Amino acid sequence: MTIKTKIKNPYTLGQVLQQSRLQQGVSQRELAKTLGITQKWIWELEQGKPGLLMDRLFMIMENIGVTLSAEFEVVDLPEK
């Protein structure tokens, strides 16, 4: 099954990223290690923490009428 949603703000973006990560069975720590960034940065992104880049990005998108959407597959994880 595919989940599709509109990304209206940093919080919505963070929630979509978190749900997709969880569906894949990946921890924040594992993802951070793979990407070479801190687990704290992943946590802050998933929480929709305000930041200059995100605030400006969504402000620009709203002003010029651009919408952002995301979709991800819901997968069946094997039982442990």
N, C-alpha and C. Protein backbone atom coordinates (compact mmCIF):
# COMPACT_ATOMS: atom_id res chain seq x y z
N MET A 1 0.84 -1.16 0.00
CA MET A 1 0.00 0.00 0.00
C MET A 1 0.89 1.24 0.00
N THR A 2 0.51 2.24 -0.77
CA THR A 2 1.24 3.49 -0.84
C THR A 2 0.50 4.57 -0.06
N ILE A 3 1.24 5.28 0.77
CA ILE A 3 0.67 6.41 1.51
C ILE A 3 1.14 7.68 0.82
N LYS A 4 0.19 8.56 0.50
CA LYS A 4 0.49 9.83 -0.13
C LYS A 4 -0.04 10.94 0.76
N THR A 5 0.74 12.02 0.88
CA THR A 5 0.30 13.13 1.70
C THR A 5 0.93 14.43 1.22
N LYS A 6 0.26 15.53 1.49
CA LYS A 6 0.82 16.85 1.20
C LYS A 6 1.70 17.27 2.37
N ILE A 7 2.81 17.89 2.04
CA ILE A 7 3.74 18.40 3.05
C ILE A 7 3.46 19.90 3.16
N LYS A 8 2.86 20.30 4.27
CA LYS A 8 2.46 21.70 4.44
C LYS A 8 3.42 22.52 5.28
N ASN A 9 4.26 21.84 6.05
CA ASN A 9 5.15 22.54 6.98
C ASN A 9 6.25 21.58 7.44
N PRO A 10 7.25 22.09 8.16
CA PRO A 10 8.33 21.22 8.62
C PRO A 10 7.85 20.05 9.50
N TYR A 11 6.80 20.27 10.28
CA TYR A 11 6.28 19.21 11.14
C TYR A 11 5.75 18.05 10.31
N THR A 12 4.96 18.36 9.28
CA THR A 12 4.41 17.33 8.41
C THR A 12 5.52 16.58 7.70
N LEU A 13 6.53 17.29 7.23
CA LEU A 13 7.67 16.65 6.59
C LEU A 13 8.35 15.69 7.55
N GLY A 14 8.57 16.13 8.76
CA GLY A 14 9.21 15.29 9.77
C GLY A 14 8.42 14.03 10.07
N GLN A 15 7.11 14.17 10.15
CA GLN A 15 6.26 13.01 10.45
C GLN A 15 6.30 11.99 9.32
N VAL A 16 6.29 12.46 8.08
CA VAL A 16 6.36 11.55 6.94
C VAL A 16 7.70 10.82 6.92
N LEU A 17 8.78 11.57 7.15
CA LEU A 17 10.10 10.93 7.18
C LEU A 17 10.19 9.91 8.30
N GLN A 18 9.65 10.24 9.45
CA GLN A 18 9.68 9.31 10.59
C GLN A 18 8.89 8.04 10.27
N GLN A 19 7.69 8.19 9.74
CA GLN A 19 6.86 7.02 9.44
C GLN A 19 7.52 6.12 8.40
N SER A 20 8.12 6.73 7.39
CA SER A 20 8.81 5.94 6.38
C SER A 20 10.00 5.20 6.98
N ARG A 21 10.77 5.89 7.82
CA ARG A 21 11.91 5.25 8.48
C ARG A 21 11.46 4.08 9.34
N LEU A 22 10.41 4.30 10.12
CA LEU A 22 9.90 3.25 10.99
C LEU A 22 9.39 2.06 10.20
N GLN A 23 8.73 2.33 9.08
CA GLN A 23 8.22 1.25 8.23
C GLN A 23 9.36 0.37 7.71
N GLN A 24 10.52 0.96 7.54
CA GLN A 24 11.66 0.21 7.05
C GLN A 24 12.45 -0.46 8.17
N GLY A 25 12.02 -0.22 9.41
CA GLY A 25 12.67 -0.84 10.54
C GLY A 25 14.05 -0.28 10.84
N VAL A 26 14.25 0.98 10.51
CA VAL A 26 15.55 1.64 10.71
C VAL A 26 15.44 2.59 11.90
N SER A 27 16.40 2.52 12.79
CA SER A 27 16.42 3.44 13.93
C SER A 27 17.03 4.77 13.51
N GLN A 28 16.77 5.78 14.32
CA GLN A 28 17.38 7.09 14.07
C GLN A 28 18.91 6.95 14.09
N ARG A 29 19.41 6.19 15.03
CA ARG A 29 20.86 6.01 15.17
C ARG A 29 21.45 5.36 13.91
N GLU A 30 20.78 4.31 13.41
CA GLU A 30 21.27 3.63 12.21
C GLU A 30 21.26 4.56 11.01
N LEU A 31 20.18 5.31 10.85
CA LEU A 31 20.08 6.23 9.72
C LEU A 31 21.16 7.31 9.81
N ALA A 32 21.34 7.86 11.00
CA ALA A 32 22.35 8.89 11.19
C ALA A 32 23.74 8.37 10.84
N LYS A 33 24.04 7.15 11.28
CA LYS A 33 25.35 6.56 11.00
C LYS A 33 25.54 6.37 9.50
N THR A 34 24.52 5.88 8.82
CA THR A 34 24.58 5.68 7.37
C THR A 34 24.84 6.99 6.64
N LEU A 35 24.21 8.06 7.12
CA LEU A 35 24.31 9.36 6.45
C LEU A 35 25.50 10.19 6.91
N GLY A 36 26.14 9.77 8.00
CA GLY A 36 27.27 10.53 8.53
C GLY A 36 26.86 11.81 9.24
N ILE A 37 25.68 11.77 9.87
CA ILE A 37 25.19 12.91 10.63
C ILE A 37 24.82 12.44 12.03
N THR A 38 24.42 13.37 12.88
CA THR A 38 24.10 12.97 14.25
C THR A 38 22.66 12.49 14.37
N GLN A 39 22.44 11.63 15.35
CA GLN A 39 21.09 11.15 15.65
C GLN A 39 20.21 12.31 16.09
N LYS A 40 20.80 13.28 16.77
CA LYS A 40 20.05 14.46 17.21
C LYS A 40 19.48 15.22 16.02
N TRP A 41 20.25 15.30 14.93
CA TRP A 41 19.77 16.01 13.75
C TRP A 41 18.56 15.29 13.16
N ILE A 42 18.60 13.97 13.10
CA ILE A 42 17.45 13.18 12.61
C ILE A 42 16.25 13.43 13.51
N TRP A 43 16.45 13.38 14.83
CA TRP A 43 15.36 13.60 15.78
C TRP A 43 14.74 14.98 15.58
N GLU A 44 15.57 16.01 15.45
CA GLU A 44 15.07 17.37 15.27
C GLU A 44 14.29 17.51 13.97
N LEU A 45 14.78 16.89 12.90
CA LEU A 45 14.08 16.93 11.62
C LEU A 45 12.71 16.25 11.74
N GLU A 46 12.68 15.09 12.37
CA GLU A 46 11.41 14.37 12.51
C GLU A 46 10.43 15.09 13.43
N GLN A 47 10.93 15.90 14.33
CA GLN A 47 10.05 16.66 15.22
C GLN A 47 9.56 17.96 14.57
N GLY A 48 10.08 18.27 13.38
CA GLY A 48 9.68 19.50 12.70
C GLY A 48 10.25 20.74 13.36
N LYS A 49 11.41 20.58 13.97
CA LYS A 49 12.03 21.70 14.68
C LYS A 49 12.20 22.88 13.73
N PRO A 50 11.74 24.06 14.14
CA PRO A 50 11.90 25.23 13.28
C PRO A 50 13.38 25.53 13.03
N GLY A 51 13.64 25.99 11.86
CA GLY A 51 15.00 26.38 11.49
C GLY A 51 14.91 27.36 10.33
N LEU A 52 15.93 28.15 10.18
CA LEU A 52 15.94 29.18 9.15
C LEU A 52 15.71 28.62 7.76
N LEU A 53 16.40 27.55 7.42
CA LEU A 53 16.25 26.96 6.08
C LEU A 53 14.82 26.48 5.84
N MET A 54 14.29 25.70 6.78
CA MET A 54 12.93 25.16 6.62
C MET A 54 11.89 26.28 6.59
N ASP A 55 12.03 27.23 7.50
CA ASP A 55 11.08 28.34 7.54
C ASP A 55 11.06 29.09 6.22
N ARG A 56 12.23 29.38 5.69
CA ARG A 56 12.30 30.10 4.41
C ARG A 56 11.80 29.26 3.25
N LEU A 57 12.14 27.99 3.26
CA LEU A 57 11.69 27.10 2.20
C LEU A 57 10.16 27.09 2.11
N PHE A 58 9.50 26.86 3.23
CA PHE A 58 8.04 26.79 3.20
C PHE A 58 7.40 28.16 2.96
N MET A 59 8.05 29.23 3.39
CA MET A 59 7.56 30.59 3.12
C MET A 59 7.62 30.87 1.62
N ILE A 60 8.73 30.52 0.99
CA ILE A 60 8.88 30.72 -0.45
C ILE A 60 7.85 29.89 -1.21
N MET A 61 7.72 28.63 -0.84
CA MET A 61 6.76 27.76 -1.52
C MET A 61 5.35 28.31 -1.43
N GLU A 62 4.97 28.78 -0.25
CA GLU A 62 3.62 29.33 -0.07
C GLU A 62 3.42 30.57 -0.94
N ASN A 63 4.43 31.42 -0.98
CA ASN A 63 4.32 32.67 -1.74
C ASN A 63 4.23 32.46 -3.23
N ILE A 64 4.86 31.43 -3.77
CA ILE A 64 4.84 31.23 -5.21
C ILE A 64 3.89 30.11 -5.64
N GLY A 65 3.13 29.59 -4.68
CA GLY A 65 2.11 28.61 -5.01
C GLY A 65 2.63 27.21 -5.31
N VAL A 66 3.75 26.85 -4.72
CA VAL A 66 4.31 25.52 -4.92
C VAL A 66 3.87 24.62 -3.77
N THR A 67 3.44 23.42 -4.10
CA THR A 67 3.09 22.45 -3.07
C THR A 67 4.08 21.29 -3.13
N LEU A 68 4.25 20.67 -2.00
CA LEU A 68 5.16 19.54 -1.87
C LEU A 68 4.34 18.35 -1.40
N SER A 69 4.58 17.20 -1.99
CA SER A 69 3.89 16.00 -1.54
C SER A 69 4.91 14.86 -1.42
N ALA A 70 4.51 13.86 -0.68
CA ALA A 70 5.39 12.71 -0.46
C ALA A 70 4.56 11.44 -0.52
N GLU A 71 5.22 10.37 -0.89
CA GLU A 71 4.57 9.06 -0.85
C GLU A 71 5.61 8.03 -0.47
N PHE A 72 5.16 7.02 0.26
CA PHE A 72 6.04 5.92 0.62
C PHE A 72 5.22 4.66 0.75
N GLU A 73 5.90 3.56 0.53
CA GLU A 73 5.27 2.26 0.60
C GLU A 73 5.23 1.77 2.03
N VAL A 74 4.10 1.24 2.43
CA VAL A 74 3.97 0.57 3.72
C VAL A 74 4.35 -0.88 3.46
N VAL A 75 5.35 -1.35 4.17
CA VAL A 75 5.84 -2.71 3.94
C VAL A 75 5.51 -3.59 5.14
N ASP A 76 5.38 -4.87 4.87
CA ASP A 76 5.18 -5.84 5.93
C ASP A 76 6.54 -6.25 6.45
N LEU A 77 6.79 -5.97 7.73
CA LEU A 77 8.07 -6.36 8.34
C LEU A 77 7.96 -7.80 8.85
N PRO A 78 9.04 -8.55 8.69
CA PRO A 78 9.02 -9.92 9.22
C PRO A 78 8.96 -9.90 10.75
N GLU A 79 8.29 -10.87 11.31
CA GLU A 79 8.20 -10.95 12.76
C GLU A 79 9.55 -11.33 13.35
N LYS A 80 9.86 -10.76 14.51
CA LYS A 80 11.14 -11.04 15.17
C LYS A 80 10.94 -12.01 16.30
